[in-house]
């Protein structure tokens, strides 16, 4: 599985509301608890390979900030 843009991930989420996958709608959650160095924009992360897990339909990156500065958080669209 590869990291997709947030726009593509949100499209997958929205589509699941109108036509549920395996009878379930999807939700958003953290892919892992790691904090990764932010490299300036989403395009630096899109297309990178991540571990393929059962029940995960998309992985995208989100920019977050804490007291140490900006970091990247991997988020996922998954089955409930």
PDB file of N, CA and C in Angstrom:
ATOM      1  N   UNK A   1       0.842  -1.160   0.000  1.00  0.00           N
ATOM      2  CA  UNK A   1       0.000   0.000   0.000  1.00  0.00           C
ATOM      3  C   UNK A   1       0.901   1.242   0.000  1.00  0.00           C
ATOM      4  N   UNK A   2       0.432   2.281  -0.663  1.00  0.00           N
ATOM      5  CA  UNK A   2       1.180   3.524  -0.759  1.00  0.00           C
ATOM      6  C   UNK A   2       0.403   4.667  -0.110  1.00  0.00           C
ATOM      7  N   UNK A   3       1.124   5.684   0.335  1.00  0.00           N
ATOM      8  CA  UNK A   3       0.497   6.867   0.902  1.00  0.00           C
ATOM      9  C   UNK A   3      -0.171   7.649  -0.226  1.00  0.00           C
ATOM     10  N   UNK A   4      -1.421   8.063   0.006  1.00  0.00           N
ATOM     11  CA  UNK A   4      -2.182   8.835  -0.982  1.00  0.00           C
ATOM     12  C   UNK A   4      -2.382  10.248  -0.449  1.00  0.00           C
ATOM     13  N   UNK A   5      -2.899  11.127  -1.275  1.00  0.00           N
ATOM     14  CA  UNK A   5      -3.179  12.488  -0.827  1.00  0.00           C
ATOM     15  C   UNK A   5      -4.395  12.475   0.097  1.00  0.00           C
ATOM     16  N   UNK A   6      -4.500  13.501   0.915  1.00  0.00           N
ATOM     17  CA  UNK A   6      -5.636  13.598   1.826  1.00  0.00           C
ATOM     18  C   UNK A   6      -6.944  13.705   1.034  1.00  0.00           C
ATOM     19  N   UNK A   7      -6.883  14.356  -0.097  1.00  0.00           N
ATOM     20  CA  UNK A   7      -8.067  14.489  -0.957  1.00  0.00           C
ATOM     21  C   UNK A   7      -8.564  13.118  -1.427  1.00  0.00           C
ATOM     22  N   UNK A   8      -7.636  12.260  -1.868  1.00  0.00           N
ATOM     23  CA  UNK A   8      -8.021  10.919  -2.313  1.00  0.00           C
ATOM     24  C   UNK A   8      -8.567  10.084  -1.152  1.00  0.00           C
ATOM     25  N   UNK A   9      -7.964  10.223   0.023  1.00  0.00           N
ATOM     26  CA  UNK A   9      -8.428   9.484   1.195  1.00  0.00           C
ATOM     27  C   UNK A   9      -9.834   9.930   1.591  1.00  0.00           C
ATOM     28  N   UNK A  10     -10.084  11.233   1.545  1.00  0.00           N
ATOM     29  CA  UNK A  10     -11.413  11.733   1.882  1.00  0.00           C
ATOM     30  C   UNK A  10     -12.461  11.288   0.870  1.00  0.00           C
ATOM     31  N   UNK A  11     -12.064  11.130  -0.392  1.00  0.00           N
ATOM     32  CA  UNK A  11     -12.993  10.633  -1.414  1.00  0.00           C
ATOM     33  C   UNK A  11     -13.377   9.187  -1.104  1.00  0.00           C
ATOM     34  N   UNK A  12     -12.420   8.379  -0.688  1.00  0.00           N
ATOM     35  CA  UNK A  12     -12.709   6.991  -0.312  1.00  0.00           C
ATOM     36  C   UNK A  12     -13.669   6.971   0.876  1.00  0.00           C
ATOM     37  N   UNK A  13     -13.430   7.838   1.854  1.00  0.00           N
ATOM     38  CA  UNK A  13     -14.290   7.921   3.037  1.00  0.00           C
ATOM     39  C   UNK A  13     -15.704   8.343   2.663  1.00  0.00           C
ATOM     40  N   UNK A  14     -15.822   9.368   1.835  1.00  0.00           N
ATOM     41  CA  UNK A  14     -17.134   9.857   1.409  1.00  0.00           C
ATOM     42  C   UNK A  14     -17.884   8.807   0.592  1.00  0.00           C
ATOM     43  N   UNK A  15     -17.190   8.139  -0.307  1.00  0.00           N
ATOM     44  CA  UNK A  15     -17.826   7.094  -1.122  1.00  0.00           C
ATOM     45  C   UNK A  15     -18.378   5.965  -0.258  1.00  0.00           C
ATOM     46  N   UNK A  16     -17.698   5.665   0.857  1.00  0.00           N
ATOM     47  CA  UNK A  16     -18.163   4.574   1.724  1.00  0.00           C
ATOM     48  C   UNK A  16     -19.470   4.929   2.431  1.00  0.00           C
ATOM     49  N   UNK A  17     -19.773   6.219   2.543  1.00  0.00           N
ATOM     50  CA  UNK A  17     -21.037   6.615   3.168  1.00  0.00           C
ATOM     51  C   UNK A  17     -22.226   6.273   2.290  1.00  0.00           C
ATOM     52  N   UNK A  18     -22.031   6.360   0.964  1.00  0.00           N
ATOM     53  CA  UNK A  18     -23.104   6.103   0.019  1.00  0.00           C
ATOM     54  C   UNK A  18     -23.167   4.656  -0.437  1.00  0.00           C
ATOM     55  N   UNK A  19     -22.045   3.980  -0.441  1.00  0.00           N
ATOM     56  CA  UNK A  19     -22.027   2.555  -0.776  1.00  0.00           C
ATOM     57  C   UNK A  19     -21.047   1.861   0.171  1.00  0.00           C
ATOM     58  N   UNK A  20     -21.540   1.405   1.320  1.00  0.00           N
ATOM     59  CA  UNK A  20     -20.679   0.784   2.337  1.00  0.00           C
ATOM     60  C   UNK A  20     -19.860  -0.380   1.791  1.00  0.00           C
ATOM     61  N   UNK A  21     -18.651  -0.518   2.286  1.00  0.00           N
ATOM     62  CA  UNK A  21     -17.755  -1.597   1.890  1.00  0.00           C
ATOM     63  C   UNK A  21     -17.942  -2.739   2.884  1.00  0.00           C
ATOM     64  N   UNK A  22     -18.281  -3.918   2.389  1.00  0.00           N
ATOM     65  CA  UNK A  22     -18.584  -5.081   3.231  1.00  0.00           C
ATOM     66  C   UNK A  22     -19.676  -4.757   4.249  1.00  0.00           C
ATOM     67  N   UNK A  23     -20.596  -3.884   3.885  1.00  0.00           N
ATOM     68  CA  UNK A  23     -21.699  -3.517   4.765  1.00  0.00           C
ATOM     69  C   UNK A  23     -21.326  -2.552   5.872  1.00  0.00           C
ATOM     70  N   UNK A  24     -20.104  -2.010   5.821  1.00  0.00           N
ATOM     71  CA  UNK A  24     -19.631  -1.103   6.869  1.00  0.00           C
ATOM     72  C   UNK A  24     -19.191   0.224   6.263  1.00  0.00           C
ATOM     73  N   UNK A  25     -19.397   1.306   7.013  1.00  0.00           N
ATOM     74  CA  UNK A  25     -18.822   2.582   6.607  1.00  0.00           C
ATOM     75  C   UNK A  25     -17.418   2.654   7.189  1.00  0.00           C
ATOM     76  N   UNK A  26     -16.623   3.553   6.676  1.00  0.00           N
ATOM     77  CA  UNK A  26     -15.234   3.676   7.097  1.00  0.00           C
ATOM     78  C   UNK A  26     -15.073   4.856   8.047  1.00  0.00           C
ATOM     79  N   UNK A  27     -13.983   4.879   8.790  1.00  0.00           N
ATOM     80  CA  UNK A  27     -13.700   5.988   9.689  1.00  0.00           C
ATOM     81  C   UNK A  27     -12.214   6.346   9.627  1.00  0.00           C
ATOM     82  N   UNK A  28     -11.871   7.455  10.279  1.00  0.00           N
ATOM     83  CA  UNK A  28     -10.498   7.969  10.279  1.00  0.00           C
ATOM     84  C   UNK A  28      -9.834   7.636  11.610  1.00  0.00           C
ATOM     85  N   UNK A  29      -8.551   7.295  11.554  1.00  0.00           N
ATOM     86  CA  UNK A  29      -7.780   7.031  12.765  1.00  0.00           C
ATOM     87  C   UNK A  29      -6.297   7.187  12.496  1.00  0.00           C
ATOM     88  N   UNK A  30      -5.495   7.102  13.543  1.00  0.00           N
ATOM     89  CA  UNK A  30      -4.041   7.166  13.373  1.00  0.00           C
ATOM     90  C   UNK A  30      -3.548   5.832  12.823  1.00  0.00           C
ATOM     91  N   UNK A  31      -2.624   5.903  11.869  1.00  0.00           N
ATOM     92  CA  UNK A  31      -2.040   4.690  11.309  1.00  0.00           C
ATOM     93  C   UNK A  31      -1.012   4.121  12.282  1.00  0.00           C
ATOM     94  N   UNK A  32      -0.212   4.991  12.871  1.00  0.00           N
ATOM     95  CA  UNK A  32       0.727   4.596  13.918  1.00  0.00           C
ATOM     96  C   UNK A  32       0.926   5.782  14.857  1.00  0.00           C
ATOM     97  N   UNK A  33       1.674   5.589  15.907  1.00  0.00           N
ATOM     98  CA  UNK A  33       1.842   6.659  16.899  1.00  0.00           C
ATOM     99  C   UNK A  33       3.141   7.427  16.706  1.00  0.00           C
ATOM    100  N   UNK A  34       3.832   7.196  15.602  1.00  0.00           N
ATOM    101  CA  UNK A  34       5.102   7.873  15.351  1.00  0.00           C
ATOM    102  C   UNK A  34       4.929   9.319  14.923  1.00  0.00           C
ATOM    103  N   UNK A  35       5.964  10.102  15.197  1.00  0.00           N
ATOM    104  CA  UNK A  35       6.029  11.487  14.724  1.00  0.00           C
ATOM    105  C   UNK A  35       7.232  11.553  13.784  1.00  0.00           C
ATOM    106  N   UNK A  36       6.990  11.979  12.556  1.00  0.00           N
ATOM    107  CA  UNK A  36       8.039  12.016  11.550  1.00  0.00           C
ATOM    108  C   UNK A  36       8.333  13.454  11.165  1.00  0.00           C
ATOM    109  N   UNK A  37       9.568  13.714  10.800  1.00  0.00           N
ATOM    110  CA  UNK A  37       9.969  15.062  10.423  1.00  0.00           C
ATOM    111  C   UNK A  37       9.148  15.545   9.231  1.00  0.00           C
ATOM    112  N   UNK A  38       8.623  16.758   9.331  1.00  0.00           N
ATOM    113  CA  UNK A  38       7.850  17.351   8.244  1.00  0.00           C
ATOM    114  C   UNK A  38       8.807  17.895   7.205  1.00  0.00           C
ATOM    115  N   UNK A  39       8.599  17.555   5.921  1.00  0.00           N
ATOM    116  CA  UNK A  39       9.504  17.933   4.841  1.00  0.00           C
ATOM    117  C   UNK A  39       8.976  19.040   3.941  1.00  0.00           C
ATOM    118  N   UNK A  40       7.975  19.784   4.361  1.00  0.00           N
ATOM    119  CA  UNK A  40       7.547  20.931   3.572  1.00  0.00           C
ATOM    120  C   UNK A  40       6.196  20.826   2.912  1.00  0.00           C
ATOM    121  N   UNK A  41       5.822  19.652   2.418  1.00  0.00           N
ATOM    122  CA  UNK A  41       4.491  19.490   1.835  1.00  0.00           C
ATOM    123  C   UNK A  41       4.152  18.012   1.721  1.00  0.00           C
ATOM    124  N   UNK A  42       2.875  17.749   1.427  1.00  0.00           N
ATOM    125  CA  UNK A  42       2.405  16.372   1.289  1.00  0.00           C
ATOM    126  C   UNK A  42       3.097  15.622   0.165  1.00  0.00           C
ATOM    127  N   UNK A  43       3.505  16.343  -0.857  1.00  0.00           N
ATOM    128  CA  UNK A  43       4.063  15.673  -2.040  1.00  0.00           C
ATOM    129  C   UNK A  43       5.335  14.887  -1.728  1.00  0.00           C
ATOM    130  N   UNK A  44       6.002  15.204  -0.621  1.00  0.00           N
ATOM    131  CA  UNK A  44       7.204  14.466  -0.233  1.00  0.00           C
ATOM    132  C   UNK A  44       6.872  13.078   0.324  1.00  0.00           C
ATOM    133  N   UNK A  45       5.624  12.864   0.708  1.00  0.00           N
ATOM    134  CA  UNK A  45       5.204  11.603   1.302  1.00  0.00           C
ATOM    135  C   UNK A  45       4.362  10.743   0.365  1.00  0.00           C
ATOM    136  N   UNK A  46       3.605  11.369  -0.530  1.00  0.00           N
ATOM    137  CA  UNK A  46       2.701  10.645  -1.417  1.00  0.00           C
ATOM    138  C   UNK A  46       3.483   9.669  -2.299  1.00  0.00           C
ATOM    139  N   UNK A  47       3.000   8.439  -2.343  1.00  0.00           N
ATOM    140  CA  UNK A  47       3.633   7.409  -3.156  1.00  0.00           C
ATOM    141  C   UNK A  47       4.601   6.530  -2.392  1.00  0.00           C
ATOM    142  N   UNK A  48       4.958   6.896  -1.160  1.00  0.00           N
ATOM    143  CA  UNK A  48       5.874   6.055  -0.371  1.00  0.00           C
ATOM    144  C   UNK A  48       5.130   4.820   0.108  1.00  0.00           C
ATOM    145  N   UNK A  49       5.836   3.710   0.154  1.00  0.00           N
ATOM    146  CA  UNK A  49       5.241   2.429   0.533  1.00  0.00           C
ATOM    147  C   UNK A  49       5.118   2.324   2.052  1.00  0.00           C
ATOM    148  N   UNK A  50       3.962   1.825   2.512  1.00  0.00           N
ATOM    149  CA  UNK A  50       3.737   1.546   3.932  1.00  0.00           C
ATOM    150  C   UNK A  50       3.246   0.109   4.072  1.00  0.00           C
ATOM    151  N   UNK A  51       3.299  -0.408   5.282  1.00  0.00           N
ATOM    152  CA  UNK A  51       2.868  -1.775   5.549  1.00  0.00           C
ATOM    153  C   UNK A  51       1.398  -1.954   5.195  1.00  0.00           C
ATOM    154  N   UNK A  52       1.094  -3.031   4.508  1.00  0.00           N
ATOM    155  CA  UNK A  52      -0.286  -3.326   4.099  1.00  0.00           C
ATOM    156  C   UNK A  52      -0.966  -4.108   5.215  1.00  0.00           C
ATOM    157  N   UNK A  53      -1.973  -3.511   5.849  1.00  0.00           N
ATOM    158  CA  UNK A  53      -2.687  -4.144   6.952  1.00  0.00           C
ATOM    159  C   UNK A  53      -4.138  -4.412   6.566  1.00  0.00           C
ATOM    160  N   UNK A  54      -4.696  -5.464   7.101  1.00  0.00           N
ATOM    161  CA  UNK A  54      -6.081  -5.837   6.840  1.00  0.00           C
ATOM    162  C   UNK A  54      -7.022  -4.784   7.435  1.00  0.00           C
ATOM    163  N   UNK A  55      -8.002  -4.361   6.669  1.00  0.00           N
ATOM    164  CA  UNK A  55      -8.982  -3.394   7.141  1.00  0.00           C
ATOM    165  C   UNK A  55      -8.611  -1.948   6.889  1.00  0.00           C
ATOM    166  N   UNK A  56      -7.396  -1.697   6.406  1.00  0.00           N
ATOM    167  CA  UNK A  56      -6.954  -0.334   6.090  1.00  0.00           C
ATOM    168  C   UNK A  56      -7.176  -0.107   4.597  1.00  0.00           C
ATOM    169  N   UNK A  57      -7.899   0.962   4.250  1.00  0.00           N
ATOM    170  CA  UNK A  57      -8.217   1.227   2.849  1.00  0.00           C
ATOM    171  C   UNK A  57      -7.366   2.338   2.252  1.00  0.00           C
ATOM    172  N   UNK A  58      -6.847   3.250   3.088  1.00  0.00           N
ATOM    173  CA  UNK A  58      -6.000   4.333   2.584  1.00  0.00           C
ATOM    174  C   UNK A  58      -5.159   4.884   3.732  1.00  0.00           C
ATOM    175  N   UNK A  59      -3.963   5.352   3.402  1.00  0.00           N
ATOM    176  CA  UNK A  59      -3.080   6.013   4.363  1.00  0.00           C
ATOM    177  C   UNK A  59      -2.698   7.359   3.770  1.00  0.00           C
ATOM    178  N   UNK A  60      -2.772   8.409   4.592  1.00  0.00           N
ATOM    179  CA  UNK A  60      -2.385   9.742   4.145  1.00  0.00           C
ATOM    180  C   UNK A  60      -1.621  10.442   5.258  1.00  0.00           C
ATOM    181  N   UNK A  61      -0.957  11.535   4.912  1.00  0.00           N
ATOM    182  CA  UNK A  61      -0.146  12.266   5.887  1.00  0.00           C
ATOM    183  C   UNK A  61      -0.822  13.583   6.239  1.00  0.00           C
ATOM    184  N   UNK A  62      -0.699  13.982   7.497  1.00  0.00           N
ATOM    185  CA  UNK A  62      -1.278  15.221   7.988  1.00  0.00           C
ATOM    186  C   UNK A  62      -0.190  15.996   8.720  1.00  0.00           C
ATOM    187  N   UNK A  63      -0.131  17.298   8.509  1.00  0.00           N
ATOM    188  CA  UNK A  63       0.849  18.134   9.203  1.00  0.00           C
ATOM    189  C   UNK A  63       0.277  18.522  10.556  1.00  0.00           C
ATOM    190  N   UNK A  64       1.072  18.313  11.602  1.00  0.00           N
ATOM    191  CA  UNK A  64       0.682  18.688  12.957  1.00  0.00           C
ATOM    192  C   UNK A  64       1.823  19.484  13.576  1.00  0.00           C
ATOM    193  N   UNK A  65       1.532  20.181  14.678  1.00  0.00           N
ATOM    194  CA  UNK A  65       2.546  20.978  15.357  1.00  0.00           C
ATOM    195  C   UNK A  65       2.416  20.775  16.865  1.00  0.00           C
ATOM    196  N   UNK A  66       3.550  20.665  17.534  1.00  0.00           N
ATOM    197  CA  UNK A  66       3.571  20.660  18.990  1.00  0.00           C
ATOM    198  C   UNK A  66       4.688  21.597  19.450  1.00  0.00           C
ATOM    199  N   UNK A  67       5.074  21.523  20.705  1.00  0.00           N
ATOM    200  CA  UNK A  67       6.086  22.446  21.232  1.00  0.00           C
ATOM    201  C   UNK A  67       7.454  22.264  20.580  1.00  0.00           C
ATOM    202  N   UNK A  68       7.700  21.116  19.971  1.00  0.00           N
ATOM    203  CA  UNK A  68       8.974  20.868  19.288  1.00  0.00           C
ATOM    204  C   UNK A  68       8.961  21.313  17.830  1.00  0.00           C
ATOM    205  N   UNK A  69       7.809  21.723  17.327  1.00  0.00           N
ATOM    206  CA  UNK A  69       7.706  22.180  15.948  1.00  0.00           C
ATOM    207  C   UNK A  69       6.814  21.280  15.115  1.00  0.00           C
ATOM    208  N   UNK A  70       6.802  21.493  13.789  1.00  0.00           N
ATOM    209  CA  UNK A  70       5.923  20.708  12.914  1.00  0.00           C
ATOM    210  C   UNK A  70       6.411  19.264  12.742  1.00  0.00           C
ATOM    211  N   UNK A  71       5.446  18.363  12.595  1.00  0.00           N
ATOM    212  CA  UNK A  71       5.758  16.967  12.332  1.00  0.00           C
ATOM    213  C   UNK A  71       4.666  16.362  11.461  1.00  0.00           C
ATOM    214  N   UNK A  72       4.957  15.206  10.903  1.00  0.00           N
ATOM    215  CA  UNK A  72       4.002  14.497  10.044  1.00  0.00           C
ATOM    216  C   UNK A  72       3.381  13.354  10.831  1.00  0.00           C
ATOM    217  N   UNK A  73       2.059  13.247  10.764  1.00  0.00           N
ATOM    218  CA  UNK A  73       1.338  12.151  11.404  1.00  0.00           C
ATOM    219  C   UNK A  73       0.666  11.335  10.312  1.00  0.00           C
ATOM    220  N   UNK A  74       0.901  10.031  10.296  1.00  0.00           N
ATOM    221  CA  UNK A  74       0.257   9.161   9.323  1.00  0.00           C
ATOM    222  C   UNK A  74      -1.140   8.798   9.820  1.00  0.00           C
ATOM    223  N   UNK A  75      -2.136   9.078   8.995  1.00  0.00           N
ATOM    224  CA  UNK A  75      -3.526   8.797   9.318  1.00  0.00           C
ATOM    225  C   UNK A  75      -4.035   7.745   8.339  1.00  0.00           C
ATOM    226  N   UNK A  76      -5.117   7.068   8.713  1.00  0.00           N
ATOM    227  CA  UNK A  76      -5.638   6.027   7.825  1.00  0.00           C
ATOM    228  C   UNK A  76      -7.164   6.054   7.798  1.00  0.00           C
ATOM    229  N   UNK A  77      -7.695   5.501   6.730  1.00  0.00           N
ATOM    230  CA  UNK A  77      -9.114   5.257   6.580  1.00  0.00           C
ATOM    231  C   UNK A  77      -9.284   3.755   6.790  1.00  0.00           C
ATOM    232  N   UNK A  78     -10.071   3.375   7.799  1.00  0.00           N
ATOM    233  CA  UNK A  78     -10.190   1.963   8.150  1.00  0.00           C
ATOM    234  C   UNK A  78     -11.636   1.581   8.425  1.00  0.00           C
ATOM    235  N   UNK A  79     -11.880   0.271   8.465  1.00  0.00           N
ATOM    236  CA  UNK A  79     -13.206  -0.243   8.791  1.00  0.00           C
ATOM    237  C   UNK A  79     -13.412  -0.130  10.291  1.00  0.00           C
ATOM    238  N   UNK A  80     -14.653   0.120  10.695  1.00  0.00           N
ATOM    239  CA  UNK A  80     -14.966   0.185  12.137  1.00  0.00           C
ATOM    240  C   UNK A  80     -14.917  -1.177  12.773  1.00  0.00           C
TER     241      UNK A  80
END
